[in-house]
Amino acid sequence: MATQQEVFEVIKRKGYADFKDLKSHFKIEGGGSWLPQRLRALEKKKLIISMRRGNISVYFVNPEVWE
């Protein structure tokens, strides 16, 4: 199980990531996992921004916090 910081670092390193990319990176199988919790927490802290089109969500690092 990855931490919020680890999820953030993956998104930051890739520039963006969708849920499927993140599940693959962290080797998560099946539907339910800890990943949605981490993503919601990062959004709540305004570290990432999500954009949704249809059933695909893509996550970006918030440019205001880019280091």
PDB file of N, CA and C in Angstrom:
ATOM      1  N   MET A   1       0.846  -1.176   0.000  1.00  0.00           N
ATOM      2  CA  MET A   1       0.000   0.000   0.000  1.00  0.00           C
ATOM      3  C   MET A   1       0.895   1.244   0.000  1.00  0.00           C
ATOM      4  N   ALA A   2       0.720   2.089  -0.997  1.00  0.00           N
ATOM      5  CA  ALA A   2       1.543   3.289  -1.137  1.00  0.00           C
ATOM      6  C   ALA A   2       0.992   4.444  -0.304  1.00  0.00           C
ATOM      7  N   THR A   3       1.870   5.342   0.047  1.00  0.00           N
ATOM      8  CA  THR A   3       1.475   6.534   0.792  1.00  0.00           C
ATOM      9  C   THR A   3       0.983   7.604  -0.181  1.00  0.00           C
ATOM     10  N   GLN A   4       0.381   8.647   0.367  1.00  0.00           N
ATOM     11  CA  GLN A   4      -0.035   9.786  -0.453  1.00  0.00           C
ATOM     12  C   GLN A   4       1.170  10.361  -1.191  1.00  0.00           C
ATOM     13  N   GLN A   5       2.283  10.473  -0.495  1.00  0.00           N
ATOM     14  CA  GLN A   5       3.487  11.047  -1.094  1.00  0.00           C
ATOM     15  C   GLN A   5       3.965  10.201  -2.273  1.00  0.00           C
ATOM     16  N   GLU A   6       3.916   8.883  -2.153  1.00  0.00           N
ATOM     17  CA  GLU A   6       4.339   8.007  -3.247  1.00  0.00           C
ATOM     18  C   GLU A   6       3.419   8.165  -4.464  1.00  0.00           C
ATOM     19  N   VAL A   7       2.123   8.257  -4.229  1.00  0.00           N
ATOM     20  CA  VAL A   7       1.173   8.463  -5.327  1.00  0.00           C
ATOM     21  C   VAL A   7       1.444   9.816  -5.986  1.00  0.00           C
ATOM     22  N   PHE A   8       1.646  10.850  -5.176  1.00  0.00           N
ATOM     23  CA  PHE A   8       1.950  12.184  -5.689  1.00  0.00           C
ATOM     24  C   PHE A   8       3.219  12.163  -6.541  1.00  0.00           C
ATOM     25  N   GLU A   9       4.252  11.485  -6.080  1.00  0.00           N
ATOM     26  CA  GLU A   9       5.529  11.433  -6.806  1.00  0.00           C
ATOM     27  C   GLU A   9       5.377  10.752  -8.161  1.00  0.00           C
ATOM     28  N   VAL A  10       4.555   9.719  -8.243  1.00  0.00           N
ATOM     29  CA  VAL A  10       4.325   9.040  -9.526  1.00  0.00           C
ATOM     30  C   VAL A  10       3.644   9.992 -10.504  1.00  0.00           C
ATOM     31  N   ILE A  11       2.616  10.680 -10.044  1.00  0.00           N
ATOM     32  CA  ILE A  11       1.904  11.634 -10.907  1.00  0.00           C
ATOM     33  C   ILE A  11       2.860  12.748 -11.334  1.00  0.00           C
ATOM     34  N   LYS A  12       3.652  13.242 -10.406  1.00  0.00           N
ATOM     35  CA  LYS A  12       4.591  14.325 -10.686  1.00  0.00           C
ATOM     36  C   LYS A  12       5.654  13.881 -11.700  1.00  0.00           C
ATOM     37  N   ARG A  13       6.180  12.684 -11.528  1.00  0.00           N
ATOM     38  CA  ARG A  13       7.230  12.179 -12.407  1.00  0.00           C
ATOM     39  C   ARG A  13       6.715  11.968 -13.835  1.00  0.00           C
ATOM     40  N   LYS A  14       5.500  11.443 -13.959  1.00  0.00           N
ATOM     41  CA  LYS A  14       4.925  11.178 -15.284  1.00  0.00           C
ATOM     42  C   LYS A  14       4.329  12.441 -15.919  1.00  0.00           C
ATOM     43  N   GLY A  15       4.021  13.444 -15.117  1.00  0.00           N
ATOM     44  CA  GLY A  15       3.367  14.648 -15.619  1.00  0.00           C
ATOM     45  C   GLY A  15       1.858  14.568 -15.485  1.00  0.00           C
ATOM     46  N   TYR A  16       1.320  13.380 -15.630  1.00  0.00           N
ATOM     47  CA  TYR A  16      -0.113  13.118 -15.437  1.00  0.00           C
ATOM     48  C   TYR A  16      -0.280  11.606 -15.334  1.00  0.00           C
ATOM     49  N   ALA A  17      -1.399  11.179 -14.845  1.00  0.00           N
ATOM     50  CA  ALA A  17      -1.691   9.745 -14.793  1.00  0.00           C
ATOM     51  C   ALA A  17      -3.192   9.550 -14.683  1.00  0.00           C
ATOM     52  N   ASP A  18      -3.689   8.517 -15.331  1.00  0.00           N
ATOM     53  CA  ASP A  18      -5.088   8.170 -15.118  1.00  0.00           C
ATOM     54  C   ASP A  18      -5.142   7.030 -14.102  1.00  0.00           C
ATOM     55  N   PHE A  19      -6.339   6.696 -13.686  1.00  0.00           N
ATOM     56  CA  PHE A  19      -6.511   5.692 -12.639  1.00  0.00           C
ATOM     57  C   PHE A  19      -5.904   4.357 -13.061  1.00  0.00           C
ATOM     58  N   LYS A  20      -6.092   3.995 -14.321  1.00  0.00           N
ATOM     59  CA  LYS A  20      -5.560   2.733 -14.834  1.00  0.00           C
ATOM     60  C   LYS A  20      -4.027   2.715 -14.774  1.00  0.00           C
ATOM     61  N   ASP A  21      -3.388   3.833 -15.140  1.00  0.00           N
ATOM     62  CA  ASP A  21      -1.919   3.951 -15.048  1.00  0.00           C
ATOM     63  C   ASP A  21      -1.447   3.719 -13.618  1.00  0.00           C
ATOM     64  N   LEU A  22      -2.136   4.356 -12.680  1.00  0.00           N
ATOM     65  CA  LEU A  22      -1.736   4.253 -11.278  1.00  0.00           C
ATOM     66  C   LEU A  22      -1.942   2.835 -10.744  1.00  0.00           C
ATOM     67  N   LYS A  23      -3.069   2.214 -11.118  1.00  0.00           N
ATOM     68  CA  LYS A  23      -3.304   0.827 -10.690  1.00  0.00           C
ATOM     69  C   LYS A  23      -2.213  -0.086 -11.228  1.00  0.00           C
ATOM     70  N   SER A  24      -1.827   0.124 -12.462  1.00  0.00           N
ATOM     71  CA  SER A  24      -0.770  -0.680 -13.066  1.00  0.00           C
ATOM     72  C   SER A  24       0.572  -0.441 -12.369  1.00  0.00           C
ATOM     73  N   HIS A  25       0.894   0.819 -12.126  1.00  0.00           N
ATOM     74  CA  HIS A  25       2.169   1.163 -11.471  1.00  0.00           C
ATOM     75  C   HIS A  25       2.289   0.504 -10.093  1.00  0.00           C
ATOM     76  N   PHE A  26       1.204   0.547  -9.321  1.00  0.00           N
ATOM     77  CA  PHE A  26       1.235  -0.002  -7.966  1.00  0.00           C
ATOM     78  C   PHE A  26       0.797  -1.466  -7.912  1.00  0.00           C
ATOM     79  N   LYS A  27       0.609  -2.085  -9.099  1.00  0.00           N
ATOM     80  CA  LYS A  27       0.252  -3.504  -9.193  1.00  0.00           C
ATOM     81  C   LYS A  27      -1.006  -3.854  -8.398  1.00  0.00           C
ATOM     82  N   ILE A  28      -2.051  -3.056  -8.608  1.00  0.00           N
ATOM     83  CA  ILE A  28      -3.330  -3.264  -7.932  1.00  0.00           C
ATOM     84  C   ILE A  28      -4.247  -4.018  -8.888  1.00  0.00           C
ATOM     85  N   GLU A  29      -4.818  -5.094  -8.406  1.00  0.00           N
ATOM     86  CA  GLU A  29      -5.770  -5.864  -9.207  1.00  0.00           C
ATOM     87  C   GLU A  29      -7.154  -5.723  -8.599  1.00  0.00           C
ATOM     88  N   GLY A  30      -8.177  -5.815  -9.441  1.00  0.00           N
ATOM     89  CA  GLY A  30      -9.548  -5.719  -8.946  1.00  0.00           C
ATOM     90  C   GLY A  30     -10.007  -4.276  -8.845  1.00  0.00           C
ATOM     91  N   GLY A  31     -11.244  -4.096  -8.446  1.00  0.00           N
ATOM     92  CA  GLY A  31     -11.845  -2.769  -8.400  1.00  0.00           C
ATOM     93  C   GLY A  31     -11.565  -1.984  -7.132  1.00  0.00           C
ATOM     94  N   GLY A  32     -11.748  -2.610  -5.986  1.00  0.00           N
ATOM     95  CA  GLY A  32     -11.595  -1.889  -4.727  1.00  0.00           C
ATOM     96  C   GLY A  32     -10.154  -1.824  -4.285  1.00  0.00           C
ATOM     97  N   SER A  33      -9.758  -0.676  -3.804  1.00  0.00           N
ATOM     98  CA  SER A  33      -8.387  -0.531  -3.318  1.00  0.00           C
ATOM     99  C   SER A  33      -8.267   0.716  -2.454  1.00  0.00           C
ATOM    100  N   TRP A  34      -7.078   0.975  -2.005  1.00  0.00           N
ATOM    101  CA  TRP A  34      -6.761   2.150  -1.196  1.00  0.00           C
ATOM    102  C   TRP A  34      -6.497   3.369  -2.093  1.00  0.00           C
ATOM    103  N   LEU A  35      -6.317   3.168  -3.397  1.00  0.00           N
ATOM    104  CA  LEU A  35      -5.925   4.251  -4.294  1.00  0.00           C
ATOM    105  C   LEU A  35      -6.931   5.410  -4.358  1.00  0.00           C
ATOM    106  N   PRO A  36      -8.235   5.155  -4.486  1.00  0.00           N
ATOM    107  CA  PRO A  36      -9.164   6.297  -4.527  1.00  0.00           C
ATOM    108  C   PRO A  36      -9.076   7.190  -3.290  1.00  0.00           C
ATOM    109  N   GLN A  37      -8.827   6.569  -2.134  1.00  0.00           N
ATOM    110  CA  GLN A  37      -8.670   7.339  -0.891  1.00  0.00           C
ATOM    111  C   GLN A  37      -7.483   8.284  -0.987  1.00  0.00           C
ATOM    112  N   ARG A  38      -6.363   7.768  -1.490  1.00  0.00           N
ATOM    113  CA  ARG A  38      -5.147   8.591  -1.617  1.00  0.00           C
ATOM    114  C   ARG A  38      -5.386   9.749  -2.584  1.00  0.00           C
ATOM    115  N   LEU A  39      -6.045   9.463  -3.696  1.00  0.00           N
ATOM    116  CA  LEU A  39      -6.298  10.499  -4.692  1.00  0.00           C
ATOM    117  C   LEU A  39      -7.222  11.582  -4.137  1.00  0.00           C
ATOM    118  N   ARG A  40      -8.270  11.184  -3.420  1.00  0.00           N
ATOM    119  CA  ARG A  40      -9.177  12.171  -2.817  1.00  0.00           C
ATOM    120  C   ARG A  40      -8.434  13.036  -1.808  1.00  0.00           C
ATOM    121  N   ALA A  41      -7.578  12.418  -1.011  1.00  0.00           N
ATOM    122  CA  ALA A  41      -6.823  13.179  -0.010  1.00  0.00           C
ATOM    123  C   ALA A  41      -5.881  14.179  -0.682  1.00  0.00           C
ATOM    124  N   LEU A  42      -5.224  13.763  -1.764  1.00  0.00           N
ATOM    125  CA  LEU A  42      -4.325  14.676  -2.482  1.00  0.00           C
ATOM    126  C   LEU A  42      -5.103  15.826  -3.128  1.00  0.00           C
ATOM    127  N   GLU A  43      -6.303  15.527  -3.633  1.00  0.00           N
ATOM    128  CA  GLU A  43      -7.151  16.592  -4.198  1.00  0.00           C
ATOM    129  C   GLU A  43      -7.605  17.551  -3.101  1.00  0.00           C
ATOM    130  N   LYS A  44      -7.986  17.007  -1.972  1.00  0.00           N
ATOM    131  CA  LYS A  44      -8.441  17.841  -0.857  1.00  0.00           C
ATOM    132  C   LYS A  44      -7.331  18.784  -0.379  1.00  0.00           C
ATOM    133  N   LYS A  45      -6.091  18.299  -0.415  1.00  0.00           N
ATOM    134  CA  LYS A  45      -4.937  19.126  -0.035  1.00  0.00           C
ATOM    135  C   LYS A  45      -4.504  20.063  -1.168  1.00  0.00           C
ATOM    136  N   LYS A  46      -5.197  19.954  -2.315  1.00  0.00           N
ATOM    137  CA  LYS A  46      -4.922  20.774  -3.495  1.00  0.00           C
ATOM    138  C   LYS A  46      -3.536  20.526  -4.081  1.00  0.00           C
ATOM    139  N   LEU A  47      -3.027  19.304  -3.915  1.00  0.00           N
ATOM    140  CA  LEU A  47      -1.746  18.943  -4.511  1.00  0.00           C
ATOM    141  C   LEU A  47      -1.916  18.437  -5.933  1.00  0.00           C
ATOM    142  N   ILE A  48      -3.086  17.850  -6.216  1.00  0.00           N
ATOM    143  CA  ILE A  48      -3.374  17.385  -7.566  1.00  0.00           C
ATOM    144  C   ILE A  48      -4.726  17.924  -8.017  1.00  0.00           C
ATOM    145  N   ILE A  49      -4.914  17.911  -9.323  1.00  0.00           N
ATOM    146  CA  ILE A  49      -6.172  18.320  -9.940  1.00  0.00           C
ATOM    147  C   ILE A  49      -6.633  17.164 -10.807  1.00  0.00           C
ATOM    148  N   SER A  50      -7.907  16.849 -10.756  1.00  0.00           N
ATOM    149  CA  SER A  50      -8.414  15.791 -11.625  1.00  0.00           C
ATOM    150  C   SER A  50      -9.314  16.404 -12.693  1.00  0.00           C
ATOM    151  N   MET A  51      -9.262  15.798 -13.851  1.00  0.00           N
ATOM    152  CA  MET A  51     -10.137  16.178 -14.954  1.00  0.00           C
ATOM    153  C   MET A  51     -10.818  14.896 -15.403  1.00  0.00           C
ATOM    154  N   ARG A  52     -12.110  14.979 -15.614  1.00  0.00           N
ATOM    155  CA  ARG A  52     -12.875  13.798 -15.975  1.00  0.00           C
ATOM    156  C   ARG A  52     -13.542  14.003 -17.328  1.00  0.00           C
ATOM    157  N   ARG A  53     -13.434  12.981 -18.162  1.00  0.00           N
ATOM    158  CA  ARG A  53     -14.130  12.974 -19.449  1.00  0.00           C
ATOM    159  C   ARG A  53     -14.730  11.590 -19.620  1.00  0.00           C
ATOM    160  N   GLY A  54     -16.041  11.530 -19.615  1.00  0.00           N
ATOM    161  CA  GLY A  54     -16.707  10.226 -19.671  1.00  0.00           C
ATOM    162  C   GLY A  54     -16.401   9.451 -18.406  1.00  0.00           C
ATOM    163  N   ASN A  55     -15.857   8.264 -18.570  1.00  0.00           N
ATOM    164  CA  ASN A  55     -15.540   7.452 -17.394  1.00  0.00           C
ATOM    165  C   ASN A  55     -14.045   7.421 -17.093  1.00  0.00           C
ATOM    166  N   ILE A  56     -13.288   8.354 -17.666  1.00  0.00           N
ATOM    167  CA  ILE A  56     -11.846   8.397 -17.434  1.00  0.00           C
ATOM    168  C   ILE A  56     -11.485   9.652 -16.658  1.00  0.00           C
ATOM    169  N   SER A  57     -10.783   9.462 -15.549  1.00  0.00           N
ATOM    170  CA  SER A  57     -10.256  10.582 -14.764  1.00  0.00           C
ATOM    171  C   SER A  57      -8.749  10.634 -14.960  1.00  0.00           C
ATOM    172  N   VAL A  58      -8.240  11.832 -15.209  1.00  0.00           N
ATOM    173  CA  VAL A  58      -6.807  12.040 -15.353  1.00  0.00           C
ATOM    174  C   VAL A  58      -6.372  12.997 -14.254  1.00  0.00           C
ATOM    175  N   TYR A  59      -5.245  12.688 -13.637  1.00  0.00           N
ATOM    176  CA  TYR A  59      -4.745  13.461 -12.499  1.00  0.00           C
ATOM    177  C   TYR A  59      -3.460  14.176 -12.886  1.00  0.00           C
ATOM    178  N   PHE A  60      -3.404  15.462 -12.524  1.00  0.00           N
ATOM    179  CA  PHE A  60      -2.253  16.330 -12.790  1.00  0.00           C
ATOM    180  C   PHE A  60      -1.789  16.934 -11.474  1.00  0.00           C
ATOM    181  N   VAL A  61      -0.497  17.253 -11.407  1.00  0.00           N
ATOM    182  CA  VAL A  61      -0.008  18.006 -10.262  1.00  0.00           C
ATOM    183  C   VAL A  61      -0.521  19.426 -10.403  1.00  0.00           C
ATOM    184  N   ASN A  62      -1.035  19.978  -9.319  1.00  0.00           N
ATOM    185  CA  ASN A  62      -1.509  21.353  -9.310  1.00  0.00           C
ATOM    186  C   ASN A  62      -0.310  22.263  -9.626  1.00  0.00           C
ATOM    187  N   PRO A  63      -0.395  23.064 -10.694  1.00  0.00           N
ATOM    188  CA  PRO A  63       0.744  23.913 -11.063  1.00  0.00           C
ATOM    189  C   PRO A  63       1.142  24.913  -9.985  1.00  0.00           C
ATOM    190  N   GLU A  64       0.244  25.224  -9.078  1.00  0.00           N
ATOM    191  CA  GLU A  64       0.557  26.162  -7.999  1.00  0.00           C
ATOM    192  C   GLU A  64       1.484  25.558  -6.954  1.00  0.00           C
ATOM    193  N   VAL A  65       1.598  24.222  -6.922  1.00  0.00           N
ATOM    194  CA  VAL A  65       2.470  23.579  -5.928  1.00  0.00           C
ATOM    195  C   VAL A  65       3.663  22.884  -6.575  1.00  0.00           C
ATOM    196  N   TRP A  66       3.778  23.021  -7.900  1.00  0.00           N
ATOM    197  CA  TRP A  66       4.872  22.352  -8.618  1.00  0.00           C
ATOM    198  C   TRP A  66       6.209  22.829  -8.076  1.00  0.00           C
ATOM    199  N   GLU A  67       7.081  21.882  -7.785  1.00  0.00           N
ATOM    200  CA  GLU A  67       8.396  22.236  -7.225  1.00  0.00           C
ATOM    201  C   GLU A  67       9.457  22.162  -8.266  1.00  0.00           C
TER     202      GLU A  67
END
